[in-house]
Structure formats: structure tokens, C-alpha cells
Amino acid sequence: MNRKASKVICSAIITFTMLLGSSGVKANSNDFKFTIQEVVRLSGQDRFQTAVKVSQQGWKNGSEVVILSRGDDFPDALCASTLSKKYDAPILLTQKIR
């Protein structure tokens, strides 16, 4: 296949793709619903007490699962957030034993 034929084929494919793309799904403003929630700021004397307050506020009826994470190692807590979502469980921070 020569260069000219390749350009014609590529142009046809691009044009065809653009035409198909423009007839795709269109979003309606009613498709997106947002709710406004009240923001409650929680804090404790330190990060450990703040984690306790968050668990008390977020799980008022308790939880069957709790995620323990080191309070001095932030990547540990970042990984714990995924488990917290999966198990709907609070994260409590631990201190290093001296």
C-alpha cells in the first residue's frame, strides 16, 4: 500500500470515529445529584485522640471491626484507609512501645 492510500484510509478512520463519538451518550443535568452535608470538625489533643473522636462520631453504634494503624508511620495509615472503607470500620492509631 502506498503512502497516499494510507493517508486516505487514516483520514477515513479518524472522520468515522469523530462522527460516531459525536452521537454518543449525552448527560442531562438531572443525571447528577449532589447533597450538601453539614461539616463537623473533630479534633483531639493529638492525632491519637482525634482518631478516637472520629471513630466515636462515625460509628455511634460501634463496629465489629477496627483497623489498627501506627500513628508515626503515615503510609501505614494510608493503606488502612482502604481496609476501613471495605469493612466500614474506624481506624485507631497506635503508639510505638518504648
PDB file of N, CA and C in Angstrom:
ATOM      1  N   MET A   1       0.851  -1.161   0.000  1.00  0.00           N
ATOM      2  CA  MET A   1       0.000   0.000   0.000  1.00  0.00           C
ATOM      3  C   MET A   1       0.903   1.232   0.000  1.00  0.00           C
ATOM      4  N   ASN A   2       0.561   2.186  -0.852  1.00  0.00           N
ATOM      5  CA  ASN A   2       1.410   3.377  -0.934  1.00  0.00           C
ATOM      6  C   ASN A   2       1.006   4.401   0.129  1.00  0.00           C
ATOM      7  N   ARG A   3       1.792   5.456   0.207  1.00  0.00           N
ATOM      8  CA  ARG A   3       1.576   6.489   1.240  1.00  0.00           C
ATOM      9  C   ARG A   3       0.243   7.209   1.076  1.00  0.00           C
ATOM     10  N   LYS A   4      -0.111   7.484  -0.141  1.00  0.00           N
ATOM     11  CA  LYS A   4      -1.344   8.224  -0.386  1.00  0.00           C
ATOM     12  C   LYS A   4      -2.548   7.408   0.071  1.00  0.00           C
ATOM     13  N   ALA A   5      -2.559   6.115  -0.229  1.00  0.00           N
ATOM     14  CA  ALA A   5      -3.665   5.239   0.177  1.00  0.00           C
ATOM     15  C   ALA A   5      -3.726   5.145   1.709  1.00  0.00           C
ATOM     16  N   SER A   6      -2.562   5.085   2.364  1.00  0.00           N
ATOM     17  CA  SER A   6      -2.518   5.027   3.830  1.00  0.00           C
ATOM     18  C   SER A   6      -3.113   6.285   4.443  1.00  0.00           C
ATOM     19  N   LYS A   7      -2.795   7.443   3.862  1.00  0.00           N
ATOM     20  CA  LYS A   7      -3.324   8.706   4.384  1.00  0.00           C
ATOM     21  C   LYS A   7      -4.835   8.766   4.228  1.00  0.00           C
ATOM     22  N   VAL A   8      -5.336   8.293   3.084  1.00  0.00           N
ATOM     23  CA  VAL A   8      -6.777   8.307   2.835  1.00  0.00           C
ATOM     24  C   VAL A   8      -7.492   7.395   3.839  1.00  0.00           C
ATOM     25  N   ILE A   9      -6.939   6.223   4.055  1.00  0.00           N
ATOM     26  CA  ILE A   9      -7.554   5.276   4.995  1.00  0.00           C
ATOM     27  C   ILE A   9      -7.538   5.843   6.412  1.00  0.00           C
ATOM     28  N   CYS A  10      -6.410   6.409   6.826  1.00  0.00           N
ATOM     29  CA  CYS A  10      -6.315   7.012   8.162  1.00  0.00           C
ATOM     30  C   CYS A  10      -7.296   8.156   8.314  1.00  0.00           C
ATOM     31  N   SER A  11      -7.412   8.995   7.298  1.00  0.00           N
ATOM     32  CA  SER A  11      -8.357  10.114   7.352  1.00  0.00           C
ATOM     33  C   SER A  11      -9.791   9.608   7.467  1.00  0.00           C
ATOM     34  N   ALA A  12     -10.116   8.543   6.720  1.00  0.00           N
ATOM     35  CA  ALA A  12     -11.461   7.973   6.782  1.00  0.00           C
ATOM     36  C   ALA A  12     -11.751   7.406   8.172  1.00  0.00           C
ATOM     37  N   ILE A  13     -10.776   6.736   8.765  1.00  0.00           N
ATOM     38  CA  ILE A  13     -10.959   6.162  10.105  1.00  0.00           C
ATOM     39  C   ILE A  13     -11.165   7.274  11.134  1.00  0.00           C
ATOM     40  N   ILE A  14     -10.355   8.316  11.057  1.00  0.00           N
ATOM     41  CA  ILE A  14     -10.476   9.436  12.007  1.00  0.00           C
ATOM     42  C   ILE A  14     -11.829  10.116  11.853  1.00  0.00           C
ATOM     43  N   THR A  15     -12.249  10.361  10.623  1.00  0.00           N
ATOM     44  CA  THR A  15     -13.539  11.004  10.379  1.00  0.00           C
ATOM     45  C   THR A  15     -14.678  10.135  10.899  1.00  0.00           C
ATOM     46  N   PHE A  16     -14.625   8.858  10.603  1.00  0.00           N
ATOM     47  CA  PHE A  16     -15.652   7.924  11.045  1.00  0.00           C
ATOM     48  C   PHE A  16     -15.718   7.882  12.573  1.00  0.00           C
ATOM     49  N   THR A  17     -14.567   7.847  13.234  1.00  0.00           N
ATOM     50  CA  THR A  17     -14.507   7.830  14.695  1.00  0.00           C
ATOM     51  C   THR A  17     -15.096   9.104  15.281  1.00  0.00           C
ATOM     52  N   MET A  18     -14.775  10.237  14.675  1.00  0.00           N
ATOM     53  CA  MET A  18     -15.302  11.505  15.166  1.00  0.00           C
ATOM     54  C   MET A  18     -16.821  11.562  15.027  1.00  0.00           C
ATOM     55  N   LEU A  19     -17.345  11.041  13.931  1.00  0.00           N
ATOM     56  CA  LEU A  19     -18.791  11.043  13.717  1.00  0.00           C
ATOM     57  C   LEU A  19     -19.493  10.135  14.722  1.00  0.00           C
ATOM     58  N   LEU A  20     -18.917   8.989  14.990  1.00  0.00           N
ATOM     59  CA  LEU A  20     -19.504   8.089  15.976  1.00  0.00           C
ATOM     60  C   LEU A  20     -19.431   8.694  17.376  1.00  0.00           C
ATOM     61  N   GLY A  21     -18.314   9.337  17.696  1.00  0.00           N
ATOM     62  CA  GLY A  21     -18.138   9.929  19.019  1.00  0.00           C
ATOM     63  C   GLY A  21     -19.122  11.043  19.287  1.00  0.00           C
ATOM     64  N   SER A  22     -19.489  11.790  18.272  1.00  0.00           N
ATOM     65  CA  SER A  22     -20.403  12.919  18.496  1.00  0.00           C
ATOM     66  C   SER A  22     -21.838  12.479  18.706  1.00  0.00           C
ATOM     67  N   SER A  23     -22.159  11.239  18.397  1.00  0.00           N
ATOM     68  CA  SER A  23     -23.526  10.762  18.591  1.00  0.00           C
ATOM     69  C   SER A  23     -23.633   9.892  19.832  1.00  0.00           C
ATOM     70  N   GLY A  24     -22.701  10.048  20.734  1.00  0.00           N
ATOM     71  CA  GLY A  24     -22.669   9.230  21.951  1.00  0.00           C
ATOM     72  C   GLY A  24     -23.693   9.673  22.978  1.00  0.00           C
ATOM     73  N   VAL A  25     -23.529   9.198  24.179  1.00  0.00           N
ATOM     74  CA  VAL A  25     -24.440   9.492  25.271  1.00  0.00           C
ATOM     75  C   VAL A  25     -24.286  10.940  25.701  1.00  0.00           C
ATOM     76  N   LYS A  26     -25.398  11.596  25.901  1.00  0.00           N
ATOM     77  CA  LYS A  26     -25.367  12.982  26.349  1.00  0.00           C
ATOM     78  C   LYS A  26     -25.881  13.044  27.773  1.00  0.00           C
ATOM     79  N   ALA A  27     -25.185  13.794  28.607  1.00  0.00           N
ATOM     80  CA  ALA A  27     -25.564  13.909  30.013  1.00  0.00           C
ATOM     81  C   ALA A  27     -26.647  14.958  30.180  1.00  0.00           C
ATOM     82  N   ASN A  28     -27.589  14.643  31.005  1.00  0.00           N
ATOM     83  CA  ASN A  28     -28.659  15.552  31.355  1.00  0.00           C
ATOM     84  C   ASN A  28     -28.330  16.133  32.725  1.00  0.00           C
ATOM     85  N   SER A  29     -28.692  17.372  32.973  1.00  0.00           N
ATOM     86  CA  SER A  29     -28.378  17.983  34.259  1.00  0.00           C
ATOM     87  C   SER A  29     -29.048  17.241  35.412  1.00  0.00           C
ATOM     88  N   ASN A  30     -30.109  16.503  35.134  1.00  0.00           N
ATOM     89  CA  ASN A  30     -30.782  15.728  36.178  1.00  0.00           C
ATOM     90  C   ASN A  30     -30.040  14.430  36.510  1.00  0.00           C
ATOM     91  N   ASP A  31     -29.032  14.074  35.701  1.00  0.00           N
ATOM     92  CA  ASP A  31     -28.278  12.849  35.943  1.00  0.00           C
ATOM     93  C   ASP A  31     -27.345  12.975  37.144  1.00  0.00           C
ATOM     94  N   PHE A  32     -27.044  14.189  37.545  1.00  0.00           N
ATOM     95  CA  PHE A  32     -26.084  14.412  38.620  1.00  0.00           C
ATOM     96  C   PHE A  32     -26.799  15.025  39.811  1.00  0.00           C
ATOM     97  N   LYS A  33     -26.823  14.305  40.906  1.00  0.00           N
ATOM     98  CA  LYS A  33     -27.475  14.782  42.126  1.00  0.00           C
ATOM     99  C   LYS A  33     -26.402  14.980  43.196  1.00  0.00           C
ATOM    100  N   PHE A  34     -26.398  16.131  43.804  1.00  0.00           N
ATOM    101  CA  PHE A  34     -25.461  16.429  44.871  1.00  0.00           C
ATOM    102  C   PHE A  34     -26.244  16.763  46.131  1.00  0.00           C
ATOM    103  N   THR A  35     -25.745  16.303  47.244  1.00  0.00           N
ATOM    104  CA  THR A  35     -26.364  16.658  48.511  1.00  0.00           C
ATOM    105  C   THR A  35     -25.354  17.449  49.328  1.00  0.00           C
ATOM    106  N   ILE A  36     -25.844  18.418  50.013  1.00  0.00           N
ATOM    107  CA  ILE A  36     -24.989  19.228  50.868  1.00  0.00           C
ATOM    108  C   ILE A  36     -25.098  18.681  52.282  1.00  0.00           C
ATOM    109  N   GLN A  37     -23.969  18.347  52.849  1.00  0.00           N
ATOM    110  CA  GLN A  37     -23.946  17.812  54.198  1.00  0.00           C
ATOM    111  C   GLN A  37     -23.248  18.790  55.125  1.00  0.00           C
ATOM    112  N   GLU A  38     -23.673  18.779  56.359  1.00  0.00           N
ATOM    113  CA  GLU A  38     -23.051  19.636  57.355  1.00  0.00           C
ATOM    114  C   GLU A  38     -21.656  19.089  57.682  1.00  0.00           C
ATOM    115  N   VAL A  39     -20.703  19.975  57.754  1.00  0.00           N
ATOM    116  CA  VAL A  39     -19.341  19.579  58.083  1.00  0.00           C
ATOM    117  C   VAL A  39     -19.132  19.754  59.579  1.00  0.00           C
ATOM    118  N   VAL A  40     -18.668  18.702  60.214  1.00  0.00           N
ATOM    119  CA  VAL A  40     -18.378  18.749  61.634  1.00  0.00           C
ATOM    120  C   VAL A  40     -16.870  18.568  61.805  1.00  0.00           C
ATOM    121  N   ARG A  41     -16.227  19.532  62.414  1.00  0.00           N
ATOM    122  CA  ARG A  41     -14.782  19.455  62.625  1.00  0.00           C
ATOM    123  C   ARG A  41     -14.520  18.744  63.943  1.00  0.00           C
ATOM    124  N   LEU A  42     -13.737  17.682  63.865  1.00  0.00           N
ATOM    125  CA  LEU A  42     -13.393  16.907  65.050  1.00  0.00           C
ATOM    126  C   LEU A  42     -11.915  17.075  65.356  1.00  0.00           C
ATOM    127  N   SER A  43     -11.595  17.169  66.625  1.00  0.00           N
ATOM    128  CA  SER A  43     -10.185  17.269  66.995  1.00  0.00           C
ATOM    129  C   SER A  43      -9.984  16.768  68.412  1.00  0.00           C
ATOM    130  N   GLY A  44      -8.782  16.325  68.650  1.00  0.00           N
ATOM    131  CA  GLY A  44      -8.384  15.892  69.976  1.00  0.00           C
ATOM    132  C   GLY A  44      -7.072  16.565  70.336  1.00  0.00           C
ATOM    133  N   GLN A  45      -6.493  16.184  71.465  1.00  0.00           N
ATOM    134  CA  GLN A  45      -5.227  16.784  71.890  1.00  0.00           C
ATOM    135  C   GLN A  45      -4.085  16.420  70.943  1.00  0.00           C
ATOM    136  N   ASP A  46      -4.198  15.278  70.302  1.00  0.00           N
ATOM    137  CA  ASP A  46      -3.183  14.827  69.350  1.00  0.00           C
ATOM    138  C   ASP A  46      -3.859  13.936  68.306  1.00  0.00           C
ATOM    139  N   ARG A  47      -3.097  13.394  67.388  1.00  0.00           N
ATOM    140  CA  ARG A  47      -3.683  12.574  66.316  1.00  0.00           C
ATOM    141  C   ARG A  47      -4.350  11.314  66.852  1.00  0.00           C
ATOM    142  N   PHE A  48      -3.854  10.795  67.959  1.00  0.00           N
ATOM    143  CA  PHE A  48      -4.419   9.577  68.538  1.00  0.00           C
ATOM    144  C   PHE A  48      -5.814   9.853  69.110  1.00  0.00           C
ATOM    145  N   GLN A  49      -5.950  10.951  69.826  1.00  0.00           N
ATOM    146  CA  GLN A  49      -7.252  11.338  70.380  1.00  0.00           C
ATOM    147  C   GLN A  49      -8.217  11.762  69.270  1.00  0.00           C
ATOM    148  N   THR A  50      -7.698  12.372  68.208  1.00  0.00           N
ATOM    149  CA  THR A  50      -8.551  12.752  67.078  1.00  0.00           C
ATOM    150  C   THR A  50      -9.118  11.511  66.407  1.00  0.00           C
ATOM    151  N   ALA A  51      -8.303  10.466  66.259  1.00  0.00           N
ATOM    152  CA  ALA A  51      -8.786   9.211  65.667  1.00  0.00           C
ATOM    153  C   ALA A  51      -9.895   8.601  66.527  1.00  0.00           C
ATOM    154  N   VAL A  52      -9.752   8.700  67.843  1.00  0.00           N
ATOM    155  CA  VAL A  52     -10.800   8.193  68.746  1.00  0.00           C
ATOM    156  C   VAL A  52     -12.085   8.985  68.543  1.00  0.00           C
ATOM    157  N   LYS A  53     -11.995  10.304  68.468  1.00  0.00           N
ATOM    158  CA  LYS A  53     -13.187  11.146  68.271  1.00  0.00           C
ATOM    159  C   LYS A  53     -13.866  10.830  66.933  1.00  0.00           C
ATOM    160  N   VAL A  54     -13.069  10.632  65.889  1.00  0.00           N
ATOM    161  CA  VAL A  54     -13.641  10.284  64.577  1.00  0.00           C
ATOM    162  C   VAL A  54     -14.375   8.953  64.665  1.00  0.00           C
ATOM    163  N   SER A  55     -13.785   7.983  65.344  1.00  0.00           N
ATOM    164  CA  SER A  55     -14.442   6.677  65.459  1.00  0.00           C
ATOM    165  C   SER A  55     -15.729   6.777  66.265  1.00  0.00           C
ATOM    166  N   GLN A  56     -15.741   7.613  67.299  1.00  0.00           N
ATOM    167  CA  GLN A  56     -16.950   7.788  68.114  1.00  0.00           C
ATOM    168  C   GLN A  56     -18.054   8.485  67.321  1.00  0.00           C
ATOM    169  N   GLN A  57     -17.687   9.458  66.500  1.00  0.00           N
ATOM    170  CA  GLN A  57     -18.670  10.199  65.704  1.00  0.00           C
ATOM    171  C   GLN A  57     -19.181   9.372  64.518  1.00  0.00           C
ATOM    172  N   GLY A  58     -18.284   8.658  63.873  1.00  0.00           N
ATOM    173  CA  GLY A  58     -18.648   7.928  62.656  1.00  0.00           C
ATOM    174  C   GLY A  58     -19.301   6.582  62.892  1.00  0.00           C
ATOM    175  N   TRP A  59     -19.058   5.990  64.047  1.00  0.00           N
ATOM    176  CA  TRP A  59     -19.600   4.673  64.360  1.00  0.00           C
ATOM    177  C   TRP A  59     -20.264   4.740  65.729  1.00  0.00           C
ATOM    178  N   LYS A  60     -21.352   5.479  65.810  1.00  0.00           N
ATOM    179  CA  LYS A  60     -22.032   5.715  67.092  1.00  0.00           C
ATOM    180  C   LYS A  60     -22.566   4.434  67.723  1.00  0.00           C
ATOM    181  N   ASN A  61     -22.910   3.447  66.899  1.00  0.00           N
ATOM    182  CA  ASN A  61     -23.405   2.164  67.410  1.00  0.00           C
ATOM    183  C   ASN A  61     -22.298   1.122  67.502  1.00  0.00           C
ATOM    184  N   GLY A  62     -21.069   1.556  67.379  1.00  0.00           N
ATOM    185  CA  GLY A  62     -19.943   0.632  67.444  1.00  0.00           C
ATOM    186  C   GLY A  62     -19.664  -0.016  66.092  1.00  0.00           C
ATOM    187  N   SER A  63     -18.661  -0.839  66.087  1.00  0.00           N
ATOM    188  CA  SER A  63     -18.258  -1.550  64.878  1.00  0.00           C
ATOM    189  C   SER A  63     -17.707  -2.915  65.264  1.00  0.00           C
ATOM    190  N   GLU A  64     -17.971  -3.897  64.435  1.00  0.00           N
ATOM    191  CA  GLU A  64     -17.438  -5.230  64.704  1.00  0.00           C
ATOM    192  C   GLU A  64     -15.964  -5.333  64.319  1.00  0.00           C
ATOM    193  N   VAL A  65     -15.510  -4.395  63.505  1.00  0.00           N
ATOM    194  CA  VAL A  65     -14.125  -4.408  63.023  1.00  0.00           C
ATOM    195  C   VAL A  65     -13.496  -3.061  63.338  1.00  0.00           C
ATOM    196  N   VAL A  66     -12.245  -3.077  63.720  1.00  0.00           N
ATOM    197  CA  VAL A  66     -11.478  -1.848  63.896  1.00  0.00           C
ATOM    198  C   VAL A  66     -10.128  -2.053  63.224  1.00  0.00           C
ATOM    199  N   ILE A  67      -9.636  -1.034  62.565  1.00  0.00           N
ATOM    200  CA  ILE A  67      -8.340  -1.103  61.897  1.00  0.00           C
ATOM    201  C   ILE A  67      -7.325  -0.399  62.793  1.00  0.00           C
ATOM    202  N   LEU A  68      -6.260  -1.093  63.155  1.00  0.00           N
ATOM    203  CA  LEU A  68      -5.184  -0.510  63.939  1.00  0.00           C
ATOM    204  C   LEU A  68      -4.054  -0.121  63.008  1.00  0.00           C
ATOM    205  N   SER A  69      -3.559   1.081  63.200  1.00  0.00           N
ATOM    206  CA  SER A  69      -2.502   1.589  62.339  1.00  0.00           C
ATOM    207  C   SER A  69      -1.505   2.375  63.178  1.00  0.00           C
ATOM    208  N   ARG A  70      -0.259   2.330  62.779  1.00  0.00           N
ATOM    209  CA  ARG A  70       0.761   3.088  63.507  1.00  0.00           C
ATOM    210  C   ARG A  70       0.549   4.578  63.275  1.00  0.00           C
ATOM    211  N   GLY A  71       0.554   5.331  64.335  1.00  0.00           N
ATOM    212  CA  GLY A  71       0.358   6.764  64.249  1.00  0.00           C
ATOM    213  C   GLY A  71       1.599   7.526  63.828  1.00  0.00           C
ATOM    214  N   ASP A  72       2.755   6.856  63.859  1.00  0.00           N
ATOM    215  CA  ASP A  72       4.010   7.523  63.497  1.00  0.00           C
ATOM    216  C   ASP A  72       4.487   7.140  62.101  1.00  0.00           C
ATOM    217  N   ASP A  73       3.666   6.420  61.355  1.00  0.00           N
ATOM    218  CA  ASP A  73       4.070   5.938  60.032  1.00  0.00           C
ATOM    219  C   ASP A  73       2.903   6.165  59.068  1.00  0.00           C
ATOM    220  N   PHE A  74       2.882   7.359  58.414  1.00  0.00           N
ATOM    221  CA  PHE A  74       1.703   7.719  57.617  1.00  0.00           C
ATOM    222  C   PHE A  74       1.382   6.750  56.483  1.00  0.00           C
ATOM    223  N   PRO A  75       2.365   6.093  55.826  1.00  0.00           N
ATOM    224  CA  PRO A  75       1.953   5.136  54.784  1.00  0.00           C
ATOM    225  C   PRO A  75       1.114   3.992  55.341  1.00  0.00           C
ATOM    226  N   ASP A  76       1.361   3.631  56.580  1.00  0.00           N
ATOM    227  CA  ASP A  76       0.574   2.589  57.226  1.00  0.00           C
ATOM    228  C   ASP A  76      -0.889   3.023  57.324  1.00  0.00           C
ATOM    229  N   ALA A  77      -1.108   4.267  57.730  1.00  0.00           N
ATOM    230  CA  ALA A  77      -2.476   4.780  57.845  1.00  0.00           C
ATOM    231  C   ALA A  77      -3.133   4.942  56.480  1.00  0.00           C
ATOM    232  N   LEU A  78      -2.357   5.318  55.467  1.00  0.00           N
ATOM    233  CA  LEU A  78      -2.924   5.440  54.117  1.00  0.00           C
ATOM    234  C   LEU A  78      -3.441   4.093  53.622  1.00  0.00           C
ATOM    235  N   CYS A  79      -2.678   3.042  53.874  1.00  0.00           N
ATOM    236  CA  CYS A  79      -3.126   1.705  53.477  1.00  0.00           C
ATOM    237  C   CYS A  79      -4.338   1.278  54.291  1.00  0.00           C
ATOM    238  N   ALA A  80      -4.389   1.698  55.543  1.00  0.00           N
ATOM    239  CA  ALA A  80      -5.509   1.332  56.410  1.00  0.00           C
ATOM    240  C   ALA A  80      -6.816   1.936  55.915  1.00  0.00           C
ATOM    241  N   SER A  81      -6.747   3.070  55.225  1.00  0.00           N
ATOM    242  CA  SER A  81      -7.976   3.718  54.760  1.00  0.00           C
ATOM    243  C   SER A  81      -8.754   2.829  53.786  1.00  0.00           C
ATOM    244  N   THR A  82      -8.055   2.058  52.984  1.00  0.00           N
ATOM    245  CA  THR A  82      -8.721   1.144  52.048  1.00  0.00           C
ATOM    246  C   THR A  82      -9.472   0.057  52.809  1.00  0.00           C
ATOM    247  N   LEU A  83      -8.822  -0.495  53.824  1.00  0.00           N
ATOM    248  CA  LEU A  83      -9.495  -1.504  54.645  1.00  0.00           C
ATOM    249  C   LEU A  83     -10.681  -0.914  55.393  1.00  0.00           C
ATOM    250  N   SER A  84     -10.523   0.304  55.858  1.00  0.00           N
ATOM    251  CA  SER A  84     -11.604   0.978  56.569  1.00  0.00           C
ATOM    252  C   SER A  84     -12.841   1.094  55.689  1.00  0.00           C
ATOM    253  N   LYS A  85     -12.645   1.456  54.446  1.00  0.00           N
ATOM    254  CA  LYS A  85     -13.766   1.560  53.504  1.00  0.00           C
ATOM    255  C   LYS A  85     -14.384   0.190  53.245  1.00  0.00           C
ATOM    256  N   LYS A  86     -13.531  -0.799  53.014  1.00  0.00           N
ATOM    257  CA  LYS A  86     -14.019  -2.145  52.688  1.00  0.00           C
ATOM    258  C   LYS A  86     -14.850  -2.735  53.822  1.00  0.00           C
ATOM    259  N   TYR A  87     -14.397  -2.584  55.055  1.00  0.00           N
ATOM    260  CA  TYR A  87     -15.072  -3.194  56.197  1.00  0.00           C
ATOM    261  C   TYR A  87     -15.960  -2.219  56.974  1.00  0.00           C
ATOM    262  N   ASP A  88     -16.075  -0.977  56.484  1.00  0.00           N
ATOM    263  CA  ASP A  88     -16.839   0.057  57.184  1.00  0.00           C
ATOM    264  C   ASP A  88     -16.421   0.096  58.649  1.00  0.00           C
ATOM    265  N   ALA A  89     -15.120   0.292  58.854  1.00  0.00           N
ATOM    266  CA  ALA A  89     -14.544   0.228  60.190  1.00  0.00           C
ATOM    267  C   ALA A  89     -13.704   1.471  60.476  1.00  0.00           C
ATOM    268  N   PRO A  90     -13.665   1.880  61.744  1.00  0.00           N
ATOM    269  CA  PRO A  90     -12.830   3.024  62.111  1.00  0.00           C
ATOM    270  C   PRO A  90     -11.354   2.651  62.152  1.00  0.00           C
ATOM    271  N   ILE A  91     -10.518   3.671  62.029  1.00  0.00           N
ATOM    272  CA  ILE A  91      -9.067   3.488  62.148  1.00  0.00           C
ATOM    273  C   ILE A  91      -8.635   4.097  63.472  1.00  0.00           C
ATOM    274  N   LEU A  92      -7.983   3.304  64.291  1.00  0.00           N
ATOM    275  CA  LEU A  92      -7.404   3.800  65.529  1.00  0.00           C
ATOM    276  C   LEU A  92      -5.889   3.748  65.402  1.00  0.00           C
ATOM    277  N   LEU A  93      -5.246   4.787  65.871  1.00  0.00           N
ATOM    278  CA  LEU A  93      -3.795   4.888  65.754  1.00  0.00           C
ATOM    279  C   LEU A  93      -3.119   4.366  67.012  1.00  0.00           C
ATOM    280  N   THR A  94      -2.002   3.695  66.818  1.00  0.00           N
ATOM    281  CA  THR A  94      -1.236   3.151  67.940  1.00  0.00           C
ATOM    282  C   THR A  94       0.077   3.891  68.072  1.00  0.00           C
ATOM    283  N   GLN A  95       0.630   3.837  69.256  1.00  0.00           N
ATOM    284  CA  GLN A  95       1.945   4.434  69.517  1.00  0.00           C
ATOM    285  C   GLN A  95       2.992   3.341  69.599  1.00  0.00           C
ATOM    286  N   LYS A  96       4.207   3.712  69.321  1.00  0.00           N
ATOM    287  CA  LYS A  96       5.315   2.782  69.430  1.00  0.00           C
ATOM    288  C   LYS A  96       5.561   2.510  70.912  1.00  0.00           C
ATOM    289  N   ILE A  97       5.714   1.244  71.247  1.00  0.00           N
ATOM    290  CA  ILE A  97       6.001   0.878  72.628  1.00  0.00           C
ATOM    291  C   ILE A  97       7.462   1.161  72.908  1.00  0.00           C
ATOM    292  N   ARG A  98       7.722   1.859  73.993  1.00  0.00           N
ATOM    293  CA  ARG A  98       9.101   2.265  74.305  1.00  0.00           C
ATOM    294  C   ARG A  98       9.794   1.302  75.193  1.00  0.00           C
TER     295      ARG A  98
END
